[in-house]
């Protein structure tokens, strides 16, 4: 819905965030931890873009 409403550009990327989050509840493998950590910066940037798209002021995040 967020993509249909224009709040996010790439829904597949957000599905990837969800998959990575789900991995954290079920894994203790170092390689998988590194995979999750590698996407954190991208996630942070995407969350900021999302918050901006819904009108949250920059000083709120």
C-alpha atoms as a PDB file:
ATOM      1  CA  UNK A   1       0.000   0.000   0.000  1.00  0.00           C
ATOM      2  CA  UNK A   2       2.834   2.416   0.795  1.00  0.00           C
ATOM      3  CA  UNK A   3       4.171   2.009  -2.736  1.00  0.00           C
ATOM      4  CA  UNK A   4       0.735   2.421  -4.295  1.00  0.00           C
ATOM      5  CA  UNK A   5       0.259   5.627  -2.326  1.00  0.00           C
ATOM      6  CA  UNK A   6       3.708   6.885  -3.362  1.00  0.00           C
ATOM      7  CA  UNK A   7       5.245   6.806   0.110  1.00  0.00           C
ATOM      8  CA  UNK A   8       8.024   4.385  -0.910  1.00  0.00           C
ATOM      9  CA  UNK A   9       9.769   3.891  -4.239  1.00  0.00           C
ATOM     10  CA  UNK A  10      10.835   0.276  -4.061  1.00  0.00           C
ATOM     11  CA  UNK A  11       8.529  -2.176  -2.268  1.00  0.00           C
ATOM     12  CA  UNK A  12      10.859  -5.098  -3.008  1.00  0.00           C
ATOM     13  CA  UNK A  13      13.555  -3.382  -0.949  1.00  0.00           C
ATOM     14  CA  UNK A  14      11.120  -3.113   1.967  1.00  0.00           C
ATOM     15  CA  UNK A  15      10.278  -6.814   1.605  1.00  0.00           C
ATOM     16  CA  UNK A  16      14.026  -7.467   1.830  1.00  0.00           C
ATOM     17  CA  UNK A  17      14.147  -5.437   5.052  1.00  0.00           C
ATOM     18  CA  UNK A  18      11.349  -7.638   6.399  1.00  0.00           C
ATOM     19  CA  UNK A  19      13.176 -10.832   5.404  1.00  0.00           C
ATOM     20  CA  UNK A  20      16.339  -9.603   7.127  1.00  0.00           C
ATOM     21  CA  UNK A  21      14.387  -8.672  10.245  1.00  0.00           C
ATOM     22  CA  UNK A  22      12.799 -12.110  10.313  1.00  0.00           C
ATOM     23  CA  UNK A  23      16.251 -13.695  10.089  1.00  0.00           C
ATOM     24  CA  UNK A  24      17.276 -12.014  13.330  1.00  0.00           C
ATOM     25  CA  UNK A  25      14.706 -13.962  15.313  1.00  0.00           C
ATOM     26  CA  UNK A  26      15.850 -17.374  14.093  1.00  0.00           C
ATOM     27  CA  UNK A  27      19.570 -17.337  13.437  1.00  0.00           C
ATOM     28  CA  UNK A  28      22.834 -17.281  15.252  1.00  0.00           C
ATOM     29  CA  UNK A  29      25.045 -17.683  12.184  1.00  0.00           C
ATOM     30  CA  UNK A  30      27.716 -15.010  11.852  1.00  0.00           C
ATOM     31  CA  UNK A  31      27.321 -14.817   8.063  1.00  0.00           C
ATOM     32  CA  UNK A  32      23.616 -14.097   8.428  1.00  0.00           C
ATOM     33  CA  UNK A  33      24.281 -11.473  11.086  1.00  0.00           C
ATOM     34  CA  UNK A  34      26.686  -9.758   8.695  1.00  0.00           C
ATOM     35  CA  UNK A  35      24.005  -9.890   5.992  1.00  0.00           C
ATOM     36  CA  UNK A  36      21.525  -8.152   8.292  1.00  0.00           C
ATOM     37  CA  UNK A  37      24.037  -5.538   9.403  1.00  0.00           C
ATOM     38  CA  UNK A  38      25.042  -4.778   5.817  1.00  0.00           C
ATOM     39  CA  UNK A  39      21.569  -3.449   5.023  1.00  0.00           C
ATOM     40  CA  UNK A  40      21.147  -1.267   8.114  1.00  0.00           C
ATOM     41  CA  UNK A  41      22.462   1.935   6.503  1.00  0.00           C
ATOM     42  CA  UNK A  42      20.163   1.459   3.505  1.00  0.00           C
ATOM     43  CA  UNK A  43      17.233   0.843   5.849  1.00  0.00           C
ATOM     44  CA  UNK A  44      18.014   4.023   7.782  1.00  0.00           C
ATOM     45  CA  UNK A  45      18.076   6.080   4.582  1.00  0.00           C
ATOM     46  CA  UNK A  46      14.824   4.552   3.356  1.00  0.00           C
ATOM     47  CA  UNK A  47      13.074   5.204   6.672  1.00  0.00           C
ATOM     48  CA  UNK A  48      14.141   8.855   6.507  1.00  0.00           C
ATOM     49  CA  UNK A  49      12.773   9.134   2.958  1.00  0.00           C
ATOM     50  CA  UNK A  50       9.527   7.502   4.076  1.00  0.00           C
ATOM     51  CA  UNK A  51       9.142   9.835   7.047  1.00  0.00           C
ATOM     52  CA  UNK A  52       9.740  12.817   4.787  1.00  0.00           C
ATOM     53  CA  UNK A  53       7.131  11.531   2.313  1.00  0.00           C
ATOM     54  CA  UNK A  54       4.474  11.378   5.037  1.00  0.00           C
ATOM     55  CA  UNK A  55       5.288  14.858   6.261  1.00  0.00           C
ATOM     56  CA  UNK A  56       7.331  14.241   9.408  1.00  0.00           C
ATOM     57  CA  UNK A  57       9.623  17.253   9.985  1.00  0.00           C
ATOM     58  CA  UNK A  58      13.375  16.575   9.655  1.00  0.00           C
ATOM     59  CA  UNK A  59      14.001  17.480  13.281  1.00  0.00           C
ATOM     60  CA  UNK A  60      11.738  14.619  14.388  1.00  0.00           C
ATOM     61  CA  UNK A  61      14.027  11.838  13.124  1.00  0.00           C
END
